[in-house]
Amino acid sequence: KIALLGLREHIFSQNQGTMADFAGTSEHVFGTLIQRVMSLQMVRLHYGHPDIMDKVYMMHQGGLSSATEGINLNEDIFAGMNLMLRGHEIGFKEYMQVGKARDM
């Protein structure tokens, strides 16, 4: 069962200048190409903003927070690792996208 679905991002503030174009392009490379390769190798965990989680499943497993703040500092990675260790899959689809803006 897929408990986490990753989507690509569309940076709609990318055309607002040179710096915005650079930031948008680097975000596009990470959000599509790198995420695709990580997904094919089954090492993609949880990236953050464009991911959709199964809320009911996560609530039944105790939520996203970790028990120790010193060991598990990044809740995104911890959520993905928790899902994989419990036998669930993390998918990534590029035919849907989520809009995002960057301040420049």
C-alpha atoms as a PDB file:
ATOM      1  CA  LYS A   1       0.000   0.000   0.000  1.00  0.00           C
ATOM      2  CA  ILE A   2       1.269   3.468  -0.864  1.00  0.00           C
ATOM      3  CA  ALA A   3       1.099   5.622   2.266  1.00  0.00           C
ATOM      4  CA  LEU A   4       3.034   8.592   0.863  1.00  0.00           C
ATOM      5  CA  LEU A   5       2.780  10.016  -2.635  1.00  0.00           C
ATOM      6  CA  GLY A   6       5.346  12.488  -3.901  1.00  0.00           C
ATOM      7  CA  LEU A   7       4.439  15.025  -6.588  1.00  0.00           C
ATOM      8  CA  ARG A   8       6.560  17.378  -8.659  1.00  0.00           C
ATOM      9  CA  GLU A   9       6.619  21.115  -8.003  1.00  0.00           C
ATOM     10  CA  HIS A  10       5.905  23.978 -10.338  1.00  0.00           C
ATOM     11  CA  ILE A  11       7.700  27.173  -9.239  1.00  0.00           C
ATOM     12  CA  PHE A  12       5.377  29.842 -10.598  1.00  0.00           C
ATOM     13  CA  SER A  13       7.579  32.737  -9.455  1.00  0.00           C
ATOM     14  CA  GLN A  14      10.398  31.497 -11.708  1.00  0.00           C
ATOM     15  CA  ASN A  15       9.897  34.240 -14.337  1.00  0.00           C
ATOM     16  CA  GLN A  16      10.414  37.160 -11.931  1.00  0.00           C
ATOM     17  CA  GLY A  17      14.080  37.814 -12.637  1.00  0.00           C
ATOM     18  CA  THR A  18      17.468  36.169 -12.935  1.00  0.00           C
ATOM     19  CA  MET A  19      17.738  35.034  -9.312  1.00  0.00           C
ATOM     20  CA  ALA A  20      14.193  33.668  -9.358  1.00  0.00           C
ATOM     21  CA  ASP A  21      14.979  31.807 -12.571  1.00  0.00           C
ATOM     22  CA  PHE A  22      18.119  30.285 -11.032  1.00  0.00           C
ATOM     23  CA  ALA A  23      16.263  29.271  -7.843  1.00  0.00           C
ATOM     24  CA  GLY A  24      13.335  27.878  -9.832  1.00  0.00           C
ATOM     25  CA  THR A  25      15.586  25.875 -12.127  1.00  0.00           C
ATOM     26  CA  SER A  26      17.528  24.324  -9.260  1.00  0.00           C
ATOM     27  CA  GLU A  27      14.241  23.515  -7.495  1.00  0.00           C
ATOM     28  CA  HIS A  28      12.934  21.944 -10.718  1.00  0.00           C
ATOM     29  CA  VAL A  29      16.020  19.742 -11.075  1.00  0.00           C
ATOM     30  CA  PHE A  30      15.749  18.501  -7.495  1.00  0.00           C
ATOM     31  CA  GLY A  31      11.951  18.190  -7.567  1.00  0.00           C
ATOM     32  CA  THR A  32      11.801  16.158 -10.776  1.00  0.00           C
ATOM     33  CA  LEU A  33      15.039  14.571 -11.923  1.00  0.00           C
ATOM     34  CA  ILE A  34      16.606  13.735  -8.572  1.00  0.00           C
ATOM     35  CA  GLN A  35      13.286  12.704  -7.027  1.00  0.00           C
ATOM     36  CA  ARG A  36      12.599  10.429 -10.021  1.00  0.00           C
ATOM     37  CA  VAL A  37      15.961   8.677  -9.695  1.00  0.00           C
ATOM     38  CA  MET A  38      15.544   8.285  -5.929  1.00  0.00           C
ATOM     39  CA  SER A  39      12.067   6.850  -6.448  1.00  0.00           C
ATOM     40  CA  LEU A  40      13.266   4.339  -9.060  1.00  0.00           C
ATOM     41  CA  GLN A  41      15.984   3.148  -6.669  1.00  0.00           C
ATOM     42  CA  MET A  42      13.390   2.950  -3.849  1.00  0.00           C
ATOM     43  CA  VAL A  43      15.398   5.283  -1.588  1.00  0.00           C
ATOM     44  CA  ARG A  44      13.069   8.295  -1.768  1.00  0.00           C
ATOM     45  CA  LEU A  45      11.644   9.123   1.637  1.00  0.00           C
ATOM     46  CA  HIS A  46       9.646  12.291   2.341  1.00  0.00           C
ATOM     47  CA  TYR A  47      10.635  15.545   0.661  1.00  0.00           C
ATOM     48  CA  GLY A  48       8.172  17.950   2.245  1.00  0.00           C
ATOM     49  CA  HIS A  49       5.816  20.383   0.537  1.00  0.00           C
ATOM     50  CA  PRO A  50       4.629  18.453  -2.547  1.00  0.00           C
ATOM     51  CA  ASP A  51       4.031  15.124  -0.778  1.00  0.00           C
ATOM     52  CA  ILE A  52       0.619  13.751   0.130  1.00  0.00           C
ATOM     53  CA  MET A  53       0.369  11.477   3.175  1.00  0.00           C
ATOM     54  CA  ASP A  54      -2.285   9.025   4.306  1.00  0.00           C
ATOM     55  CA  LYS A  55      -3.437  11.025   7.345  1.00  0.00           C
ATOM     56  CA  VAL A  56      -5.464   8.252   8.978  1.00  0.00           C
ATOM     57  CA  TYR A  57      -2.559   5.805   8.779  1.00  0.00           C
ATOM     58  CA  MET A  58      -0.104   8.343  10.173  1.00  0.00           C
ATOM     59  CA  MET A  59      -2.432   9.186  13.077  1.00  0.00           C
ATOM     60  CA  HIS A  60      -2.821   5.500  13.953  1.00  0.00           C
ATOM     61  CA  GLN A  61       0.952   5.069  13.996  1.00  0.00           C
ATOM     62  CA  GLY A  62       1.481   7.937  16.437  1.00  0.00           C
ATOM     63  CA  GLY A  63       1.915  10.865  14.042  1.00  0.00           C
ATOM     64  CA  LEU A  64       5.063  12.341  12.526  1.00  0.00           C
ATOM     65  CA  SER A  65       6.925  13.445  15.638  1.00  0.00           C
ATOM     66  CA  SER A  66       9.797  11.403  16.937  1.00  0.00           C
ATOM     67  CA  ALA A  67      10.311  10.404  20.532  1.00  0.00           C
ATOM     68  CA  THR A  68      13.855  11.728  20.835  1.00  0.00           C
ATOM     69  CA  GLU A  69      14.677  15.225  19.667  1.00  0.00           C
ATOM     70  CA  GLY A  70      18.436  14.692  19.613  1.00  0.00           C
ATOM     71  CA  ILE A  71      18.495  11.643  17.345  1.00  0.00           C
ATOM     72  CA  ASN A  72      15.657  12.289  14.878  1.00  0.00           C
ATOM     73  CA  LEU A  73      16.044  15.980  14.042  1.00  0.00           C
ATOM     74  CA  ASN A  74      14.301  15.953  10.669  1.00  0.00           C
ATOM     75  CA  GLU A  75      10.658  14.862  10.902  1.00  0.00           C
ATOM     76  CA  ASP A  76      10.409  14.587   7.108  1.00  0.00           C
ATOM     77  CA  ILE A  77      13.075  11.893   6.913  1.00  0.00           C
ATOM     78  CA  PHE A  78      11.722  10.222  10.047  1.00  0.00           C
ATOM     79  CA  ALA A  79       8.205  10.011   8.548  1.00  0.00           C
ATOM     80  CA  GLY A  80       9.490   8.400   5.352  1.00  0.00           C
ATOM     81  CA  MET A  81      11.763   6.016   7.211  1.00  0.00           C
ATOM     82  CA  ASN A  82       8.924   5.052   9.553  1.00  0.00           C
ATOM     83  CA  LEU A  83       6.674   4.195   6.596  1.00  0.00           C
ATOM     84  CA  MET A  84       9.333   2.095   4.848  1.00  0.00           C
ATOM     85  CA  LEU A  85      10.228   0.185   8.024  1.00  0.00           C
ATOM     86  CA  ARG A  86       6.534  -0.683   8.482  1.00  0.00           C
ATOM     87  CA  GLY A  87       6.378  -2.172   4.990  1.00  0.00           C
ATOM     88  CA  HIS A  88       4.619   0.620   3.081  1.00  0.00           C
ATOM     89  CA  GLU A  89       5.611   2.073  -0.258  1.00  0.00           C
ATOM     90  CA  ILE A  90       6.437   5.667  -1.118  1.00  0.00           C
ATOM     91  CA  GLY A  91       5.349   6.608  -4.621  1.00  0.00           C
ATOM     92  CA  PHE A  92       6.314   9.493  -6.896  1.00  0.00           C
ATOM     93  CA  LYS A  93       4.166  10.677  -9.813  1.00  0.00           C
ATOM     94  CA  GLU A  94       4.987  13.435 -12.268  1.00  0.00           C
ATOM     95  CA  TYR A  95       1.638  13.733 -14.012  1.00  0.00           C
ATOM     96  CA  MET A  96       0.356  15.870 -11.113  1.00  0.00           C
ATOM     97  CA  GLN A  97       2.134  18.925  -9.746  1.00  0.00           C
ATOM     98  CA  VAL A  98       1.888  21.342  -6.850  1.00  0.00           C
ATOM     99  CA  GLY A  99       2.410  25.081  -7.266  1.00  0.00           C
ATOM    100  CA  LYS A 100       4.994  26.870  -5.158  1.00  0.00           C
ATOM    101  CA  ALA A 101       6.422  30.396  -5.047  1.00  0.00           C
ATOM    102  CA  ARG A 102       9.819  31.618  -3.867  1.00  0.00           C
ATOM    103  CA  ASP A 103      10.526  35.036  -2.344  1.00  0.00           C
ATOM    104  CA  MET A 104      13.222  36.857  -4.259  1.00  0.00           C
END
